[in-house]
Amino acid sequence: MNKKWLALKKIVDEQAEDQGLWFEAETAPEAYLQQELRKLHAEIENAMHTDGLKCEFCGSEVDYIRCYECRYAG
C-alpha cells in the first residue's frame, strides 16, 4: 500500500506545480473545477498523513518518500 500512496503523492505534487491547473479562474466553471480539485488534493493529503506513510529506507513515518535523516544522509 505504501507504493500506492507514493504514486498518489507524486500526482498531487505534480498537479500542485502545474500552472495550467492553478491559473486565475475567469469563469464560474473554472473556479468550481479549481475548488473541487483543491478539495480532492486536501483529502488525499489527509488520507496519506492519517495512514502513516513510511520512509522507503528506514521505515519511519514521513510526509515524503524519505524521512529527514535519510533524505539528507544520502
PDB file of N, CA and C in Angstrom:
ATOM      1  N   MET A   1       0.823  -1.195   0.000  1.00  0.00           N
ATOM      2  CA  MET A   1       0.000   0.000   0.000  1.00  0.00           C
ATOM      3  C   MET A   1       0.866   1.256   0.000  1.00  0.00           C
ATOM      4  N   ASN A   2       2.029   1.199   0.566  1.00  0.00           N
ATOM      5  CA  ASN A   2       2.918   2.342   0.620  1.00  0.00           C
ATOM      6  C   ASN A   2       3.211   2.891  -0.779  1.00  0.00           C
ATOM      7  N   LYS A   3       3.436   2.018  -1.749  1.00  0.00           N
ATOM      8  CA  LYS A   3       3.742   2.447  -3.107  1.00  0.00           C
ATOM      9  C   LYS A   3       2.542   3.152  -3.739  1.00  0.00           C
ATOM     10  N   LYS A   4       1.330   2.723  -3.393  1.00  0.00           N
ATOM     11  CA  LYS A   4       0.137   3.387  -3.922  1.00  0.00           C
ATOM     12  C   LYS A   4       0.049   4.816  -3.415  1.00  0.00           C
ATOM     13  N   TRP A   5       0.321   5.009  -2.129  1.00  0.00           N
ATOM     14  CA  TRP A   5       0.291   6.365  -1.571  1.00  0.00           C
ATOM     15  C   TRP A   5       1.373   7.222  -2.218  1.00  0.00           C
ATOM     16  N   LEU A   6       2.532   6.647  -2.442  1.00  0.00           N
ATOM     17  CA  LEU A   6       3.621   7.395  -3.075  1.00  0.00           C
ATOM     18  C   LEU A   6       3.243   7.809  -4.494  1.00  0.00           C
ATOM     19  N   ALA A   7       2.567   6.915  -5.203  1.00  0.00           N
ATOM     20  CA  ALA A   7       2.125   7.243  -6.562  1.00  0.00           C
ATOM     21  C   ALA A   7       1.100   8.376  -6.532  1.00  0.00           C
ATOM     22  N   LEU A   8       0.171   8.320  -5.592  1.00  0.00           N
ATOM     23  CA  LEU A   8      -0.809   9.397  -5.454  1.00  0.00           C
ATOM     24  C   LEU A   8      -0.135  10.706  -5.065  1.00  0.00           C
ATOM     25  N   LYS A   9       0.817  10.633  -4.149  1.00  0.00           N
ATOM     26  CA  LYS A   9       1.525  11.841  -3.717  1.00  0.00           C
ATOM     27  C   LYS A   9       2.261  12.478  -4.889  1.00  0.00           C
ATOM     28  N   LYS A  10       2.872  11.665  -5.722  1.00  0.00           N
ATOM     29  CA  LYS A  10       3.589  12.185  -6.887  1.00  0.00           C
ATOM     30  C   LYS A  10       2.631  12.934  -7.804  1.00  0.00           C
ATOM     31  N   ILE A  11       1.452  12.371  -8.053  1.00  0.00           N
ATOM     32  CA  ILE A  11       0.460  13.017  -8.903  1.00  0.00           C
ATOM     33  C   ILE A  11      -0.007  14.332  -8.279  1.00  0.00           C
ATOM     34  N   VAL A  12      -0.308  14.302  -6.987  1.00  0.00           N
ATOM     35  CA  VAL A  12      -0.762  15.510  -6.290  1.00  0.00           C
ATOM     36  C   VAL A  12       0.306  16.589  -6.357  1.00  0.00           C
ATOM     37  N   ASP A  13       1.557  16.219  -6.111  1.00  0.00           N
ATOM     38  CA  ASP A  13       2.650  17.190  -6.154  1.00  0.00           C
ATOM     39  C   ASP A  13       2.833  17.767  -7.554  1.00  0.00           C
ATOM     40  N   GLU A  14       2.734  16.921  -8.576  1.00  0.00           N
ATOM     41  CA  GLU A  14       2.869  17.390  -9.947  1.00  0.00           C
ATOM     42  C   GLU A  14       1.733  18.344 -10.304  1.00  0.00           C
ATOM     43  N   GLN A  15       0.511  17.996  -9.902  1.00  0.00           N
ATOM     44  CA  GLN A  15      -0.621  18.862 -10.185  1.00  0.00           C
ATOM     45  C   GLN A  15      -0.521  20.185  -9.431  1.00  0.00           C
ATOM     46  N   ALA A  16       0.020  20.153  -8.228  1.00  0.00           N
ATOM     47  CA  ALA A  16       0.162  21.374  -7.435  1.00  0.00           C
ATOM     48  C   ALA A  16       1.103  22.369  -8.113  1.00  0.00           C
ATOM     49  N   GLU A  17       2.050  21.864  -8.897  1.00  0.00           N
ATOM     50  CA  GLU A  17       3.011  22.718  -9.590  1.00  0.00           C
ATOM     51  C   GLU A  17       2.574  23.079 -11.016  1.00  0.00           C
ATOM     52  N   ASP A  18       1.473  22.496 -11.478  1.00  0.00           N
ATOM     53  CA  ASP A  18       1.027  22.697 -12.855  1.00  0.00           C
ATOM     54  C   ASP A  18       0.261  24.023 -12.977  1.00  0.00           C
ATOM     55  N   GLN A  19       0.891  25.009 -13.607  1.00  0.00           N
ATOM     56  CA  GLN A  19       0.266  26.330 -13.754  1.00  0.00           C
ATOM     57  C   GLN A  19      -1.005  26.273 -14.599  1.00  0.00           C
ATOM     58  N   GLY A  20      -1.119  25.253 -15.425  1.00  0.00           N
ATOM     59  CA  GLY A  20      -2.324  25.093 -16.239  1.00  0.00           C
ATOM     60  C   GLY A  20      -3.556  24.758 -15.417  1.00  0.00           C
ATOM     61  N   LEU A  21      -3.352  24.283 -14.193  1.00  0.00           N
ATOM     62  CA  LEU A  21      -4.480  23.959 -13.308  1.00  0.00           C
ATOM     63  C   LEU A  21      -4.790  25.071 -12.317  1.00  0.00           C
ATOM     64  N   TRP A  22      -3.803  25.913 -12.022  1.00  0.00           N
ATOM     65  CA  TRP A  22      -3.967  26.880 -10.933  1.00  0.00           C
ATOM     66  C   TRP A  22      -3.940  28.331 -11.409  1.00  0.00           C
ATOM     67  N   PHE A  23      -4.279  28.561 -12.661  1.00  0.00           N
ATOM     68  CA  PHE A  23      -4.359  29.917 -13.185  1.00  0.00           C
ATOM     69  C   PHE A  23      -5.510  30.666 -12.498  1.00  0.00           C
ATOM     70  N   GLU A  24      -5.555  31.970 -12.696  1.00  0.00           N
ATOM     71  CA  GLU A  24      -6.640  32.749 -12.102  1.00  0.00           C
ATOM     72  C   GLU A  24      -7.911  32.473 -12.897  1.00  0.00           C
ATOM     73  N   ALA A  25      -8.874  31.869 -12.226  1.00  0.00           N
ATOM     74  CA  ALA A  25     -10.115  31.481 -12.887  1.00  0.00           C
ATOM     75  C   ALA A  25     -10.867  32.715 -13.375  1.00  0.00           C
ATOM     76  N   GLU A  26     -11.363  32.634 -14.608  1.00  0.00           N
ATOM     77  CA  GLU A  26     -12.117  33.745 -15.186  1.00  0.00           C
ATOM     78  C   GLU A  26     -13.600  33.433 -15.289  1.00  0.00           C
ATOM     79  N   THR A  27     -13.944  32.159 -15.208  1.00  0.00           N
ATOM     80  CA  THR A  27     -15.352  31.775 -15.321  1.00  0.00           C
ATOM     81  C   THR A  27     -15.755  30.955 -14.110  1.00  0.00           C
ATOM     82  N   ALA A  28     -17.055  30.864 -13.887  1.00  0.00           N
ATOM     83  CA  ALA A  28     -17.567  30.073 -12.769  1.00  0.00           C
ATOM     84  C   ALA A  28     -17.182  28.595 -12.896  1.00  0.00           C
ATOM     85  N   PRO A  29     -17.274  27.980 -14.081  1.00  0.00           N
ATOM     86  CA  PRO A  29     -16.858  26.577 -14.189  1.00  0.00           C
ATOM     87  C   PRO A  29     -15.373  26.363 -13.866  1.00  0.00           C
ATOM     88  N   GLU A  30     -14.510  27.301 -14.289  1.00  0.00           N
ATOM     89  CA  GLU A  30     -13.085  27.186 -13.966  1.00  0.00           C
ATOM     90  C   GLU A  30     -12.865  27.285 -12.457  1.00  0.00           C
ATOM     91  N   ALA A  31     -13.536  28.221 -11.822  1.00  0.00           N
ATOM     92  CA  ALA A  31     -13.410  28.397 -10.371  1.00  0.00           C
ATOM     93  C   ALA A  31     -13.920  27.166  -9.630  1.00  0.00           C
ATOM     94  N   TYR A  32     -15.043  26.611 -10.106  1.00  0.00           N
ATOM     95  CA  TYR A  32     -15.609  25.412  -9.481  1.00  0.00           C
ATOM     96  C   TYR A  32     -14.650  24.237  -9.624  1.00  0.00           C
ATOM     97  N   LEU A  33     -14.080  24.056 -10.805  1.00  0.00           N
ATOM     98  CA  LEU A  33     -13.138  22.962 -11.040  1.00  0.00           C
ATOM     99  C   LEU A  33     -11.927  23.092 -10.114  1.00  0.00           C
ATOM    100  N   GLN A  34     -11.381  24.301  -9.993  1.00  0.00           N
ATOM    101  CA  GLN A  34     -10.235  24.510  -9.116  1.00  0.00           C
ATOM    102  C   GLN A  34     -10.606  24.257  -7.651  1.00  0.00           C
ATOM    103  N   GLN A  35     -11.781  24.705  -7.245  1.00  0.00           N
ATOM    104  CA  GLN A  35     -12.239  24.485  -5.864  1.00  0.00           C
ATOM    105  C   GLN A  35     -12.336  22.997  -5.555  1.00  0.00           C
ATOM    106  N   GLU A  36     -12.925  22.250  -6.460  1.00  0.00           N
ATOM    107  CA  GLU A  36     -13.097  20.815  -6.243  1.00  0.00           C
ATOM    108  C   GLU A  36     -11.760  20.078  -6.309  1.00  0.00           C
ATOM    109  N   LEU A  37     -10.855  20.513  -7.173  1.00  0.00           N
ATOM    110  CA  LEU A  37      -9.536  19.901  -7.252  1.00  0.00           C
ATOM    111  C   LEU A  37      -8.765  20.140  -5.954  1.00  0.00           C
ATOM    112  N   ARG A  38      -8.888  21.336  -5.391  1.00  0.00           N
ATOM    113  CA  ARG A  38      -8.244  21.627  -4.097  1.00  0.00           C
ATOM    114  C   ARG A  38      -8.803  20.728  -2.999  1.00  0.00           C
ATOM    115  N   LYS A  39     -10.120  20.507  -3.006  1.00  0.00           N
ATOM    116  CA  LYS A  39     -10.731  19.604  -2.016  1.00  0.00           C
ATOM    117  C   LYS A  39     -10.183  18.192  -2.157  1.00  0.00           C
ATOM    118  N   LEU A  40     -10.069  17.720  -3.400  1.00  0.00           N
ATOM    119  CA  LEU A  40      -9.542  16.382  -3.656  1.00  0.00           C
ATOM    120  C   LEU A  40      -8.098  16.269  -3.182  1.00  0.00           C
ATOM    121  N   HIS A  41      -7.287  17.274  -3.477  1.00  0.00           N
ATOM    122  CA  HIS A  41      -5.898  17.278  -3.024  1.00  0.00           C
ATOM    123  C   HIS A  41      -5.830  17.235  -1.504  1.00  0.00           C
ATOM    124  N   ALA A  42      -6.670  18.020  -0.843  1.00  0.00           N
ATOM    125  CA  ALA A  42      -6.674  18.047   0.625  1.00  0.00           C
ATOM    126  C   ALA A  42      -7.060  16.687   1.194  1.00  0.00           C
ATOM    127  N   GLU A  43      -8.036  16.033   0.615  1.00  0.00           N
ATOM    128  CA  GLU A  43      -8.459  14.713   1.095  1.00  0.00           C
ATOM    129  C   GLU A  43      -7.361  13.672   0.903  1.00  0.00           C
ATOM    130  N   ILE A  44      -6.687  13.709  -0.228  1.00  0.00           N
ATOM    131  CA  ILE A  44      -5.595  12.764  -0.476  1.00  0.00           C
ATOM    132  C   ILE A  44      -4.465  13.009   0.513  1.00  0.00           C
ATOM    133  N   GLU A  45      -4.085  14.273   0.702  1.00  0.00           N
ATOM    134  CA  GLU A  45      -3.027  14.599   1.663  1.00  0.00           C
ATOM    135  C   GLU A  45      -3.413  14.140   3.066  1.00  0.00           C
ATOM    136  N   ASN A  46      -4.649  14.389   3.465  1.00  0.00           N
ATOM    137  CA  ASN A  46      -5.121  13.971   4.786  1.00  0.00           C
ATOM    138  C   ASN A  46      -5.077  12.455   4.937  1.00  0.00           C
ATOM    139  N   ALA A  47      -5.515  11.741   3.919  1.00  0.00           N
ATOM    140  CA  ALA A  47      -5.504  10.277   3.968  1.00  0.00           C
ATOM    141  C   ALA A  47      -4.080   9.743   4.092  1.00  0.00           C
ATOM    142  N   MET A  48      -3.145  10.359   3.388  1.00  0.00           N
ATOM    143  CA  MET A  48      -1.750   9.914   3.462  1.00  0.00           C
ATOM    144  C   MET A  48      -1.190  10.137   4.857  1.00  0.00           C
ATOM    145  N   HIS A  49      -1.512  11.278   5.451  1.00  0.00           N
ATOM    146  CA  HIS A  49      -0.976  11.593   6.775  1.00  0.00           C
ATOM    147  C   HIS A  49      -1.587  10.710   7.857  1.00  0.00           C
ATOM    148  N   THR A  50      -2.863  10.411   7.741  1.00  0.00           N
ATOM    149  CA  THR A  50      -3.503   9.596   8.767  1.00  0.00           C
ATOM    150  C   THR A  50      -3.206   8.120   8.588  1.00  0.00           C
ATOM    151  N   ASP A  51      -2.786   7.722   7.391  1.00  0.00           N
ATOM    152  CA  ASP A  51      -2.469   6.313   7.142  1.00  0.00           C
ATOM    153  C   ASP A  51      -1.030   5.983   7.516  1.00  0.00           C
ATOM    154  N   GLY A  52      -0.227   6.982   7.788  1.00  0.00           N
ATOM    155  CA  GLY A  52       1.139   6.735   8.222  1.00  0.00           C
ATOM    156  C   GLY A  52       2.072   6.299   7.114  1.00  0.00           C
ATOM    157  N   LEU A  53       2.326   7.189   6.174  1.00  0.00           N
ATOM    158  CA  LEU A  53       3.293   6.936   5.115  1.00  0.00           C
ATOM    159  C   LEU A  53       4.657   6.682   5.745  1.00  0.00           C
ATOM    160  N   LYS A  54       5.392   5.708   5.245  1.00  0.00           N
ATOM    161  CA  LYS A  54       6.667   5.337   5.840  1.00  0.00           C
ATOM    162  C   LYS A  54       7.826   5.603   4.883  1.00  0.00           C
ATOM    163  N   CYS A  55       8.977   5.945   5.466  1.00  0.00           N
ATOM    164  CA  CYS A  55      10.196   6.171   4.698  1.00  0.00           C
ATOM    165  C   CYS A  55      10.567   4.884   3.963  1.00  0.00           C
ATOM    166  N   GLU A  56      10.898   5.012   2.685  1.00  0.00           N
ATOM    167  CA  GLU A  56      11.249   3.818   1.900  1.00  0.00           C
ATOM    168  C   GLU A  56      12.581   3.214   2.313  1.00  0.00           C
ATOM    169  N   PHE A  57      13.376   3.939   3.102  1.00  0.00           N
ATOM    170  CA  PHE A  57      14.677   3.434   3.527  1.00  0.00           C
ATOM    171  C   PHE A  57      14.680   2.903   4.953  1.00  0.00           C
ATOM    172  N   CYS A  58      14.187   3.695   5.899  1.00  0.00           N
ATOM    173  CA  CYS A  58      14.303   3.277   7.304  1.00  0.00           C
ATOM    174  C   CYS A  58      12.975   2.850   7.928  1.00  0.00           C
ATOM    175  N   GLY A  59      11.838   3.157   7.274  1.00  0.00           N
ATOM    176  CA  GLY A  59      10.549   2.720   7.783  1.00  0.00           C
ATOM    177  C   GLY A  59       9.871   3.676   8.750  1.00  0.00           C
ATOM    178  N   SER A  60      10.492   4.807   9.086  1.00  0.00           N
ATOM    179  CA  SER A  60       9.850   5.754   9.997  1.00  0.00           C
ATOM    180  C   SER A  60       8.741   6.514   9.262  1.00  0.00           C
ATOM    181  N   GLU A  61       7.738   6.997  10.011  1.00  0.00           N
ATOM    182  CA  GLU A  61       6.633   7.712   9.382  1.00  0.00           C
ATOM    183  C   GLU A  61       7.107   9.061   8.857  1.00  0.00           C
ATOM    184  N   VAL A  62       6.657   9.392   7.645  1.00  0.00           N
ATOM    185  CA  VAL A  62       7.105  10.608   6.971  1.00  0.00           C
ATOM    186  C   VAL A  62       5.973  11.237   6.166  1.00  0.00           C
ATOM    187  N   ASP A  63       6.237  12.437   5.658  1.00  0.00           N
ATOM    188  CA  ASP A  63       5.314  13.107   4.742  1.00  0.00           C
ATOM    189  C   ASP A  63       5.743  12.914   3.291  1.00  0.00           C
ATOM    190  N   TYR A  64       6.987  12.503   3.101  1.00  0.00           N
ATOM    191  CA  TYR A  64       7.541  12.353   1.763  1.00  0.00           C
ATOM    192  C   TYR A  64       8.108  10.941   1.609  1.00  0.00           C
ATOM    193  N   ILE A  65       8.790  10.688   0.493  1.00  0.00           N
ATOM    194  CA  ILE A  65       9.330   9.360   0.232  1.00  0.00           C
ATOM    195  C   ILE A  65      10.382   8.974   1.260  1.00  0.00           C
ATOM    196  N   ARG A  66      11.232   9.931   1.657  1.00  0.00           N
ATOM    197  CA  ARG A  66      12.290   9.657   2.625  1.00  0.00           C
ATOM    198  C   ARG A  66      12.109  10.549   3.848  1.00  0.00           C
ATOM    199  N   CYS A  67      12.480  10.034   5.003  1.00  0.00           N
ATOM    200  CA  CYS A  67      12.439  10.855   6.204  1.00  0.00           C
ATOM    201  C   CYS A  67      13.571  11.877   6.159  1.00  0.00           C
ATOM    202  N   TYR A  68      13.548  12.819   7.036  1.00  0.00           N
ATOM    203  CA  TYR A  68      14.540  13.893   7.054  1.00  0.00           C
ATOM    204  C   TYR A  68      15.966  13.335   7.123  1.00  0.00           C
ATOM    205  N   GLU A  69      16.205  12.384   8.006  1.00  0.00           N
ATOM    206  CA  GLU A  69      17.548  11.832   8.148  1.00  0.00           C
ATOM    207  C   GLU A  69      17.999  11.119   6.882  1.00  0.00           C
ATOM    208  N   CYS A  70      17.163  10.295   6.315  1.00  0.00           N
ATOM    209  CA  CYS A  70      17.539   9.542   5.116  1.00  0.00           C
ATOM    210  C   CYS A  70      17.688  10.462   3.912  1.00  0.00           C
ATOM    211  N   ARG A  71      16.857  11.489   3.813  1.00  0.00           N
ATOM    212  CA  ARG A  71      16.907  12.394   2.685  1.00  0.00           C
ATOM    213  C   ARG A  71      18.238  13.124   2.622  1.00  0.00           C
ATOM    214  N   TYR A  72      18.763  13.500   3.775  1.00  0.00           N
ATOM    215  CA  TYR A  72      19.990  14.278   3.788  1.00  0.00           C
ATOM    216  C   TYR A  72      21.237  13.454   4.099  1.00  0.00           C
ATOM    217  N   ALA A  73      21.053  12.199   4.446  1.00  0.00           N
ATOM    218  CA  ALA A  73      22.206  11.329   4.706  1.00  0.00           C
ATOM    219  C   ALA A  73      22.738  10.728   3.404  1.00  0.00           C
ATOM    220  N   GLY A  74      21.962  10.818   2.355  1.00  0.00           N
ATOM    221  CA  GLY A  74      22.432  10.297   1.079  1.00  0.00           C
ATOM    222  C   GLY A  74      21.637   9.127   0.715  1.00  0.00           C
TER     223      GLY A  74
END
